[in-house]
Amino acid sequence: MIKQIKFVSIPVRDQNRALDFYTDKLGFTIITDQPFDEKQRWIELRIPKAETRVVLFTPEGDENRIGSFMNMSYTCDDIHKTYDELKKRGVEFEG
């Protein structure tokens, strides 16, 4: 089953500005800051001593949706077993 939230993705318009805010103002630490594609970077942060991470990203093609959605990633030991268990509990999957 699900053990923890691995990361929460926060869509942002300006990755540099968001990175400055989360690190300088909120005190988050940078885990990863690397190119994702030609226009974006994969920026992963966390609160000191916390395990859950925050990912700052700009959703290409969905910039108008910034502020209206977010994404979470979970950790589990066995994805197939977890999928089967969640289906039995009535969870519907799409995609």
PDB file of N, CA and C in Angstrom:
ATOM      1  N   MET A   1       0.839  -1.195   0.000  1.00  0.00           N
ATOM      2  CA  MET A   1       0.000   0.000   0.000  1.00  0.00           C
ATOM      3  C   MET A   1       0.874   1.245   0.000  1.00  0.00           C
ATOM      4  N   ILE A   2       0.222   2.360  -0.110  1.00  0.00           N
ATOM      5  CA  ILE A   2       0.934   3.638  -0.150  1.00  0.00           C
ATOM      6  C   ILE A   2       1.602   3.879   1.193  1.00  0.00           C
ATOM      7  N   LYS A   3       2.880   4.265   1.144  1.00  0.00           N
ATOM      8  CA  LYS A   3       3.662   4.482   2.362  1.00  0.00           C
ATOM      9  C   LYS A   3       3.855   5.955   2.690  1.00  0.00           C
ATOM     10  N   GLN A   4       3.968   6.774   1.678  1.00  0.00           N
ATOM     11  CA  GLN A   4       4.203   8.196   1.932  1.00  0.00           C
ATOM     12  C   GLN A   4       3.954   8.991   0.664  1.00  0.00           C
ATOM     13  N   ILE A   5       3.813  10.301   0.817  1.00  0.00           N
ATOM     14  CA  ILE A   5       3.785  11.196  -0.326  1.00  0.00           C
ATOM     15  C   ILE A   5       5.237  11.468  -0.682  1.00  0.00           C
ATOM     16  N   LYS A   6       5.616  11.154  -1.911  1.00  0.00           N
ATOM     17  CA  LYS A   6       7.000  11.371  -2.345  1.00  0.00           C
ATOM     18  C   LYS A   6       7.232  12.842  -2.666  1.00  0.00           C
ATOM     19  N   PHE A   7       6.348  13.414  -3.508  1.00  0.00           N
ATOM     20  CA  PHE A   7       6.467  14.838  -3.792  1.00  0.00           C
ATOM     21  C   PHE A   7       5.125  15.420  -4.183  1.00  0.00           C
ATOM     22  N   VAL A   8       5.024  16.719  -4.033  1.00  0.00           N
ATOM     23  CA  VAL A   8       3.882  17.503  -4.464  1.00  0.00           C
ATOM     24  C   VAL A   8       4.400  18.445  -5.538  1.00  0.00           C
ATOM     25  N   SER A   9       3.758  18.464  -6.705  1.00  0.00           N
ATOM     26  CA  SER A   9       4.172  19.353  -7.788  1.00  0.00           C
ATOM     27  C   SER A   9       3.349  20.629  -7.752  1.00  0.00           C
ATOM     28  N   ILE A  10       4.036  21.751  -7.845  1.00  0.00           N
ATOM     29  CA  ILE A  10       3.376  23.050  -7.837  1.00  0.00           C
ATOM     30  C   ILE A  10       3.681  23.746  -9.160  1.00  0.00           C
ATOM     31  N   PRO A  11       2.650  23.985  -9.986  1.00  0.00           N
ATOM     32  CA  PRO A  11       2.884  24.682 -11.244  1.00  0.00           C
ATOM     33  C   PRO A  11       3.162  26.163 -10.989  1.00  0.00           C
ATOM     34  N   VAL A  12       4.199  26.685 -11.636  1.00  0.00           N
ATOM     35  CA  VAL A  12       4.604  28.083 -11.450  1.00  0.00           C
ATOM     36  C   VAL A  12       4.869  28.724 -12.809  1.00  0.00           C
ATOM     37  N   ARG A  13       4.693  30.042 -12.900  1.00  0.00           N
ATOM     38  CA  ARG A  13       4.967  30.763 -14.143  1.00  0.00           C
ATOM     39  C   ARG A  13       6.456  30.984 -14.357  1.00  0.00           C
ATOM     40  N   ASP A  14       7.169  31.263 -13.289  1.00  0.00           N
ATOM     41  CA  ASP A  14       8.586  31.626 -13.375  1.00  0.00           C
ATOM     42  C   ASP A  14       9.363  30.767 -12.380  1.00  0.00           C
ATOM     43  N   GLN A  15      10.094  29.787 -12.879  1.00  0.00           N
ATOM     44  CA  GLN A  15      10.798  28.864 -11.993  1.00  0.00           C
ATOM     45  C   GLN A  15      11.863  29.570 -11.156  1.00  0.00           C
ATOM     46  N   ASN A  16      12.569  30.534 -11.723  1.00  0.00           N
ATOM     47  CA  ASN A  16      13.597  31.245 -10.954  1.00  0.00           C
ATOM     48  C   ASN A  16      12.988  32.023  -9.795  1.00  0.00           C
ATOM     49  N   ARG A  17      11.909  32.720 -10.079  1.00  0.00           N
ATOM     50  CA  ARG A  17      11.236  33.500  -9.031  1.00  0.00           C
ATOM     51  C   ARG A  17      10.674  32.581  -7.944  1.00  0.00           C
ATOM     52  N   ALA A  18      10.057  31.480  -8.359  1.00  0.00           N
ATOM     53  CA  ALA A  18       9.504  30.523  -7.394  1.00  0.00           C
ATOM     54  C   ALA A  18      10.616  29.899  -6.558  1.00  0.00           C
ATOM     55  N   LEU A  19      11.730  29.556  -7.198  1.00  0.00           N
ATOM     56  CA  LEU A  19      12.861  28.970  -6.479  1.00  0.00           C
ATOM     57  C   LEU A  19      13.383  29.939  -5.426  1.00  0.00           C
ATOM     58  N   ASP A  20      13.531  31.200  -5.794  1.00  0.00           N
ATOM     59  CA  ASP A  20      13.977  32.210  -4.828  1.00  0.00           C
ATOM     60  C   ASP A  20      13.009  32.314  -3.654  1.00  0.00           C
ATOM     61  N   PHE A  21      11.703  32.314  -3.940  1.00  0.00           N
ATOM     62  CA  PHE A  21      10.702  32.425  -2.879  1.00  0.00           C
ATOM     63  C   PHE A  21      10.782  31.238  -1.916  1.00  0.00           C
ATOM     64  N   TYR A  22      10.778  30.025  -2.462  1.00  0.00           N
ATOM     65  CA  TYR A  22      10.761  28.838  -1.604  1.00  0.00           C
ATOM     66  C   TYR A  22      12.056  28.655  -0.815  1.00  0.00           C
ATOM     67  N   THR A  23      13.185  29.067  -1.395  1.00  0.00           N
ATOM     68  CA  THR A  23      14.454  28.905  -0.669  1.00  0.00           C
ATOM     69  C   THR A  23      14.743  30.096   0.237  1.00  0.00           C
ATOM     70  N   ASP A  24      14.656  31.313  -0.306  1.00  0.00           N
ATOM     71  CA  ASP A  24      15.016  32.505   0.470  1.00  0.00           C
ATOM     72  C   ASP A  24      13.972  32.881   1.515  1.00  0.00           C
ATOM     73  N   LYS A  25      12.703  32.784   1.156  1.00  0.00           N
ATOM     74  CA  LYS A  25      11.633  33.217   2.064  1.00  0.00           C
ATOM     75  C   LYS A  25      11.148  32.096   2.980  1.00  0.00           C
ATOM     76  N   LEU A  26      10.992  30.895   2.433  1.00  0.00           N
ATOM     77  CA  LEU A  26      10.422  29.795   3.219  1.00  0.00           C
ATOM     78  C   LEU A  26      11.469  28.854   3.797  1.00  0.00           C
ATOM     79  N   GLY A  27      12.709  28.971   3.356  1.00  0.00           N
ATOM     80  CA  GLY A  27      13.779  28.166   3.931  1.00  0.00           C
ATOM     81  C   GLY A  27      13.880  26.739   3.421  1.00  0.00           C
ATOM     82  N   PHE A  28      13.252  26.428   2.288  1.00  0.00           N
ATOM     83  CA  PHE A  28      13.369  25.097   1.700  1.00  0.00           C
ATOM     84  C   PHE A  28      14.791  24.905   1.180  1.00  0.00           C
ATOM     85  N   THR A  29      15.236  23.651   1.095  1.00  0.00           N
ATOM     86  CA  THR A  29      16.556  23.363   0.538  1.00  0.00           C
ATOM     87  C   THR A  29      16.398  22.718  -0.840  1.00  0.00           C
ATOM     88  N   ILE A  30      17.374  22.960  -1.702  1.00  0.00           N
ATOM     89  CA  ILE A  30      17.345  22.418  -3.059  1.00  0.00           C
ATOM     90  C   ILE A  30      17.881  20.987  -3.035  1.00  0.00           C
ATOM     91  N   ILE A  31      17.102  20.065  -3.565  1.00  0.00           N
ATOM     92  CA  ILE A  31      17.515  18.671  -3.702  1.00  0.00           C
ATOM     93  C   ILE A  31      18.054  18.455  -5.115  1.00  0.00           C
ATOM     94  N   THR A  32      17.313  18.932  -6.107  1.00  0.00           N
ATOM     95  CA  THR A  32      17.695  18.795  -7.509  1.00  0.00           C
ATOM     96  C   THR A  32      17.309  20.059  -8.260  1.00  0.00           C
ATOM     97  N   ASP A  33      18.185  20.513  -9.124  1.00  0.00           N
ATOM     98  CA  ASP A  33      17.894  21.616 -10.043  1.00  0.00           C
ATOM     99  C   ASP A  33      18.671  21.305 -11.319  1.00  0.00           C
ATOM    100  N   GLN A  34      17.974  20.694 -12.278  1.00  0.00           N
ATOM    101  CA  GLN A  34      18.644  20.273 -13.509  1.00  0.00           C
ATOM    102  C   GLN A  34      17.728  20.496 -14.709  1.00  0.00           C
ATOM    103  N   PRO A  35      18.292  20.583 -15.922  1.00  0.00           N
ATOM    104  CA  PRO A  35      17.459  20.769 -17.112  1.00  0.00           C
ATOM    105  C   PRO A  35      16.482  19.610 -17.280  1.00  0.00           C
ATOM    106  N   PHE A  36      15.248  19.966 -17.642  1.00  0.00           N
ATOM    107  CA  PHE A  36      14.209  18.967 -17.908  1.00  0.00           C
ATOM    108  C   PHE A  36      14.022  18.840 -19.421  1.00  0.00           C
ATOM    109  N   ASP A  37      13.980  19.978 -20.081  1.00  0.00           N
ATOM    110  CA  ASP A  37      13.972  20.052 -21.534  1.00  0.00           C
ATOM    111  C   ASP A  37      14.572  21.404 -21.902  1.00  0.00           C
ATOM    112  N   GLU A  38      14.382  21.856 -23.132  1.00  0.00           N
ATOM    113  CA  GLU A  38      15.016  23.103 -23.570  1.00  0.00           C
ATOM    114  C   GLU A  38      14.516  24.330 -22.819  1.00  0.00           C
ATOM    115  N   LYS A  39      13.281  24.295 -22.318  1.00  0.00           N
ATOM    116  CA  LYS A  39      12.675  25.466 -21.691  1.00  0.00           C
ATOM    117  C   LYS A  39      12.549  25.363 -20.178  1.00  0.00           C
ATOM    118  N   GLN A  40      12.621  24.178 -19.630  1.00  0.00           N
ATOM    119  CA  GLN A  40      12.318  23.983 -18.213  1.00  0.00           C
ATOM    120  C   GLN A  40      13.426  23.248 -17.479  1.00  0.00           C
ATOM    121  N   ARG A  41      13.322  23.345 -16.155  1.00  0.00           N
ATOM    122  CA  ARG A  41      14.213  22.593 -15.271  1.00  0.00           C
ATOM    123  C   ARG A  41      13.360  21.736 -14.351  1.00  0.00           C
ATOM    124  N   TRP A  42      13.960  20.653 -13.861  1.00  0.00           N
ATOM    125  CA  TRP A  42      13.330  19.843 -12.815  1.00  0.00           C
ATOM    126  C   TRP A  42      13.897  20.365 -11.510  1.00  0.00           C
ATOM    127  N   ILE A  43      13.059  21.042 -10.735  1.00  0.00           N
ATOM    128  CA  ILE A  43      13.488  21.629  -9.465  1.00  0.00           C
ATOM    129  C   ILE A  43      12.762  20.907  -8.344  1.00  0.00           C
ATOM    130  N   GLU A  44      13.523  20.248  -7.494  1.00  0.00           N
ATOM    131  CA  GLU A  44      12.978  19.501  -6.363  1.00  0.00           C
ATOM    132  C   GLU A  44      13.517  20.121  -5.079  1.00  0.00           C
ATOM    133  N   LEU A  45      12.608  20.463  -4.175  1.00  0.00           N
ATOM    134  CA  LEU A  45      12.956  21.102  -2.906  1.00  0.00           C
ATOM    135  C   LEU A  45      12.392  20.289  -1.757  1.00  0.00           C
ATOM    136  N   ARG A  46      12.838  20.606  -0.557  1.00  0.00           N
ATOM    137  CA  ARG A  46      12.188  20.030   0.621  1.00  0.00           C
ATOM    138  C   ARG A  46      12.411  20.945   1.817  1.00  0.00           C
ATOM    139  N   ILE A  47      11.508  20.809   2.753  1.00  0.00           N
ATOM    140  CA  ILE A  47      11.650  21.495   4.031  1.00  0.00           C
ATOM    141  C   ILE A  47      12.767  20.772   4.768  1.00  0.00           C
ATOM    142  N   PRO A  48      13.695  21.497   5.386  1.00  0.00           N
ATOM    143  CA  PRO A  48      14.772  20.810   6.111  1.00  0.00           C
ATOM    144  C   PRO A  48      14.219  19.752   7.077  1.00  0.00           C
ATOM    145  N   LYS A  49      14.814  18.581   7.063  1.00  0.00           N
ATOM    146  CA  LYS A  49      14.476  17.435   7.913  1.00  0.00           C
ATOM    147  C   LYS A  49      13.167  16.743   7.531  1.00  0.00           C
ATOM    148  N   ALA A  50      12.515  17.183   6.469  1.00  0.00           N
ATOM    149  CA  ALA A  50      11.278  16.538   6.015  1.00  0.00           C
ATOM    150  C   ALA A  50      11.597  15.575   4.879  1.00  0.00           C
ATOM    151  N   GLU A  51      10.724  14.605   4.661  1.00  0.00           N
ATOM    152  CA  GLU A  51      10.930  13.648   3.574  1.00  0.00           C
ATOM    153  C   GLU A  51      10.170  14.021   2.308  1.00  0.00           C
ATOM    154  N   THR A  52       8.984  14.605   2.447  1.00  0.00           N
ATOM    155  CA  THR A  52       8.187  14.973   1.284  1.00  0.00           C
ATOM    156  C   THR A  52       8.864  16.115   0.541  1.00  0.00           C
ATOM    157  N   ARG A  53       8.898  16.006  -0.762  1.00  0.00           N
ATOM    158  CA  ARG A  53       9.556  17.014  -1.592  1.00  0.00           C
ATOM    159  C   ARG A  53       8.530  17.845  -2.345  1.00  0.00           C
ATOM    160  N   VAL A  54       8.940  19.014  -2.786  1.00  0.00           N
ATOM    161  CA  VAL A  54       8.122  19.918  -3.581  1.00  0.00           C
ATOM    162  C   VAL A  54       8.809  20.083  -4.927  1.00  0.00           C
ATOM    163  N   VAL A  55       8.063  19.921  -6.014  1.00  0.00           N
ATOM    164  CA  VAL A  55       8.594  20.103  -7.361  1.00  0.00           C
ATOM    165  C   VAL A  55       7.964  21.358  -7.950  1.00  0.00           C
ATOM    166  N   LEU A  56       8.800  22.284  -8.431  1.00  0.00           N
ATOM    167  CA  LEU A  56       8.333  23.507  -9.080  1.00  0.00           C
ATOM    168  C   LEU A  56       8.442  23.300 -10.586  1.00  0.00           C
ATOM    169  N   PHE A  57       7.323  23.411 -11.302  1.00  0.00           N
ATOM    170  CA  PHE A  57       7.363  23.204 -12.750  1.00  0.00           C
ATOM    171  C   PHE A  57       6.419  24.160 -13.455  1.00  0.00           C
ATOM    172  N   THR A  58       6.683  24.399 -14.731  1.00  0.00           N
ATOM    173  CA  THR A  58       5.809  25.202 -15.572  1.00  0.00           C
ATOM    174  C   THR A  58       5.172  24.256 -16.583  1.00  0.00           C
ATOM    175  N   PRO A  59       3.850  24.093 -16.518  1.00  0.00           N
ATOM    176  CA  PRO A  59       3.174  23.135 -17.392  1.00  0.00           C
ATOM    177  C   PRO A  59       3.048  23.672 -18.817  1.00  0.00           C
ATOM    178  N   GLU A  60       3.948  23.270 -19.701  1.00  0.00           N
ATOM    179  CA  GLU A  60       3.950  23.772 -21.069  1.00  0.00           C
ATOM    180  C   GLU A  60       2.614  23.490 -21.746  1.00  0.00           C
ATOM    181  N   GLY A  61       2.022  24.536 -22.305  1.00  0.00           N
ATOM    182  CA  GLY A  61       0.726  24.419 -22.955  1.00  0.00           C
ATOM    183  C   GLY A  61      -0.444  24.615 -22.012  1.00  0.00           C
ATOM    184  N   ASP A  62      -0.196  24.579 -20.717  1.00  0.00           N
ATOM    185  CA  ASP A  62      -1.253  24.770 -19.716  1.00  0.00           C
ATOM    186  C   ASP A  62      -0.922  25.928 -18.784  1.00  0.00           C
ATOM    187  N   GLU A  63      -0.145  26.883 -19.266  1.00  0.00           N
ATOM    188  CA  GLU A  63       0.241  28.013 -18.417  1.00  0.00           C
ATOM    189  C   GLU A  63      -0.969  28.749 -17.851  1.00  0.00           C
ATOM    190  N   ASN A  64      -2.071  28.772 -18.602  1.00  0.00           N
ATOM    191  CA  ASN A  64      -3.286  29.446 -18.132  1.00  0.00           C
ATOM    192  C   ASN A  64      -3.940  28.717 -16.959  1.00  0.00           C
ATOM    193  N   ARG A  65      -3.519  27.497 -16.677  1.00  0.00           N
ATOM    194  CA  ARG A  65      -4.097  26.730 -15.566  1.00  0.00           C
ATOM    195  C   ARG A  65      -3.286  26.853 -14.277  1.00  0.00           C
ATOM    196  N   ILE A  66      -2.174  27.582 -14.320  1.00  0.00           N
ATOM    197  CA  ILE A  66      -1.346  27.732 -13.122  1.00  0.00           C
ATOM    198  C   ILE A  66      -2.196  28.310 -11.996  1.00  0.00           C
ATOM    199  N   GLY A  67      -2.102  27.701 -10.843  1.00  0.00           N
ATOM    200  CA  GLY A  67      -2.896  28.121  -9.695  1.00  0.00           C
ATOM    201  C   GLY A  67      -4.212  27.376  -9.568  1.00  0.00           C
ATOM    202  N   SER A  68      -4.545  26.541 -10.550  1.00  0.00           N
ATOM    203  CA  SER A  68      -5.828  25.841 -10.503  1.00  0.00           C
ATOM    204  C   SER A  68      -5.684  24.325 -10.349  1.00  0.00           C
ATOM    205  N   PHE A  69      -4.450  23.816 -10.304  1.00  0.00           N
ATOM    206  CA  PHE A  69      -4.254  22.380 -10.126  1.00  0.00           C
ATOM    207  C   PHE A  69      -2.884  22.106  -9.519  1.00  0.00           C
ATOM    208  N   MET A  70      -2.699  20.887  -9.061  1.00  0.00           N
ATOM    209  CA  MET A  70      -1.404  20.428  -8.558  1.00  0.00           C
ATOM    210  C   MET A  70      -1.332  18.919  -8.737  1.00  0.00           C
ATOM    211  N   ASN A  71      -0.204  18.339  -8.411  1.00  0.00           N
ATOM    212  CA  ASN A  71       0.026  16.919  -8.623  1.00  0.00           C
ATOM    213  C   ASN A  71       0.734  16.347  -7.402  1.00  0.00           C
ATOM    214  N   MET A  72       0.441  15.093  -7.063  1.00  0.00           N
ATOM    215  CA  MET A  72       1.155  14.415  -5.981  1.00  0.00           C
ATOM    216  C   MET A  72       1.654  13.067  -6.472  1.00  0.00           C
ATOM    217  N   SER A  73       2.790  12.649  -5.968  1.00  0.00           N
ATOM    218  CA  SER A  73       3.369  11.343  -6.277  1.00  0.00           C
ATOM    219  C   SER A  73       3.528  10.575  -4.971  1.00  0.00           C
ATOM    220  N   TYR A  74       3.133   9.306  -4.986  1.00  0.00           N
ATOM    221  CA  TYR A  74       3.194   8.477  -3.789  1.00  0.00           C
ATOM    222  C   TYR A  74       4.282   7.413  -3.912  1.00  0.00           C
ATOM    223  N   THR A  75       4.709   6.885  -2.789  1.00  0.00           N
ATOM    224  CA  THR A  75       5.676   5.798  -2.742  1.00  0.00           C
ATOM    225  C   THR A  75       4.984   4.543  -2.218  1.00  0.00           C
ATOM    226  N   CYS A  76       5.283   3.400  -2.842  1.00  0.00           N
ATOM    227  CA  CYS A  76       4.772   2.118  -2.360  1.00  0.00           C
ATOM    228  C   CYS A  76       5.823   1.049  -2.645  1.00  0.00           C
ATOM    229  N   ASP A  77       5.694  -0.105  -1.996  1.00  0.00           N
ATOM    230  CA  ASP A  77       6.656  -1.190  -2.188  1.00  0.00           C
ATOM    231  C   ASP A  77       6.410  -1.978  -3.471  1.00  0.00           C
ATOM    232  N   ASP A  78       5.142  -2.187  -3.820  1.00  0.00           N
ATOM    233  CA  ASP A  78       4.794  -3.017  -4.975  1.00  0.00           C
ATOM    234  C   ASP A  78       3.638  -2.345  -5.710  1.00  0.00           C
ATOM    235  N   ILE A  79       3.930  -1.700  -6.834  1.00  0.00           N
ATOM    236  CA  ILE A  79       2.920  -0.922  -7.548  1.00  0.00           C
ATOM    237  C   ILE A  79       1.761  -1.787  -8.038  1.00  0.00           C
ATOM    238  N   HIS A  80       2.035  -2.992  -8.494  1.00  0.00           N
ATOM    239  CA  HIS A  80       0.968  -3.862  -8.998  1.00  0.00           C
ATOM    240  C   HIS A  80       0.050  -4.325  -7.868  1.00  0.00           C
ATOM    241  N   LYS A  81       0.620  -4.698  -6.754  1.00  0.00           N
ATOM    242  CA  LYS A  81      -0.173  -5.106  -5.592  1.00  0.00           C
ATOM    243  C   LYS A  81      -1.001  -3.924  -5.079  1.00  0.00           C
ATOM    244  N   THR A  82      -0.397  -2.748  -5.038  1.00  0.00           N
ATOM    245  CA  THR A  82      -1.110  -1.554  -4.581  1.00  0.00           C
ATOM    246  C   THR A  82      -2.257  -1.228  -5.525  1.00  0.00           C
ATOM    247  N   TYR A  83      -2.012  -1.313  -6.825  1.00  0.00           N
ATOM    248  CA  TYR A  83      -3.056  -1.080  -7.824  1.00  0.00           C
ATOM    249  C   TYR A  83      -4.233  -2.032  -7.599  1.00  0.00           C
ATOM    250  N   ASP A  84      -3.942  -3.319  -7.463  1.00  0.00           N
ATOM    251  CA  ASP A  84      -4.997  -4.315  -7.247  1.00  0.00           C
ATOM    252  C   ASP A  84      -5.784  -4.024  -5.972  1.00  0.00           C
ATOM    253  N   GLU A  85      -5.088  -3.688  -4.903  1.00  0.00           N
ATOM    254  CA  GLU A  85      -5.750  -3.398  -3.627  1.00  0.00           C
ATOM    255  C   GLU A  85      -6.649  -2.166  -3.743  1.00  0.00           C
ATOM    256  N   LEU A  86      -6.158  -1.130  -4.398  1.00  0.00           N
ATOM    257  CA  LEU A  86      -6.954   0.089  -4.547  1.00  0.00           C
ATOM    258  C   LEU A  86      -8.162  -0.151  -5.449  1.00  0.00           C
ATOM    259  N   LYS A  87      -8.009  -0.950  -6.503  1.00  0.00           N
ATOM    260  CA  LYS A  87      -9.147  -1.303  -7.366  1.00  0.00           C
ATOM    261  C   LYS A  87     -10.220  -2.020  -6.554  1.00  0.00           C
ATOM    262  N   LYS A  88      -9.803  -2.953  -5.677  1.00  0.00           N
ATOM    263  CA  LYS A  88     -10.750  -3.680  -4.826  1.00  0.00           C
ATOM    264  C   LYS A  88     -11.507  -2.730  -3.910  1.00  0.00           C
ATOM    265  N   ARG A  89     -10.877  -1.643  -3.542  1.00  0.00           N
ATOM    266  CA  ARG A  89     -11.506  -0.652  -2.661  1.00  0.00           C
ATOM    267  C   ARG A  89     -12.366   0.344  -3.435  1.00  0.00           C
ATOM    268  N   GLY A  90     -12.457   0.172  -4.737  1.00  0.00           N
ATOM    269  CA  GLY A  90     -13.325   1.027  -5.534  1.00  0.00           C
ATOM    270  C   GLY A  90     -12.652   2.240  -6.155  1.00  0.00           C
ATOM    271  N   VAL A  91     -11.329   2.304  -6.084  1.00  0.00           N
ATOM    272  CA  VAL A  91     -10.626   3.430  -6.706  1.00  0.00           C
ATOM    273  C   VAL A  91     -10.660   3.240  -8.218  1.00  0.00           C
ATOM    274  N   GLU A  92     -11.044   4.298  -8.944  1.00  0.00           N
ATOM    275  CA  GLU A  92     -11.075   4.248 -10.403  1.00  0.00           C
ATOM    276  C   GLU A  92      -9.812   4.892 -10.956  1.00  0.00           C
ATOM    277  N   PHE A  93      -9.209   4.261 -11.951  1.00  0.00           N
ATOM    278  CA  PHE A  93      -7.991   4.768 -12.581  1.00  0.00           C
ATOM    279  C   PHE A  93      -8.292   5.169 -14.015  1.00  0.00           C
ATOM    280  N   GLU A  94      -7.665   6.240 -14.466  1.00  0.00           N
ATOM    281  CA  GLU A  94      -7.793   6.697 -15.849  1.00  0.00           C
ATOM    282  C   GLU A  94      -6.413   6.818 -16.460  1.00  0.00           C
ATOM    283  N   GLY A  95      -6.334   6.627 -17.760  1.00  0.00           N
ATOM    284  CA  GLY A  95      -5.066   6.868 -18.470  1.00  0.00           C
ATOM    285  C   GLY A  95      -4.212   5.657 -18.634  1.00  0.00           C
TER     286      GLY A  95
END
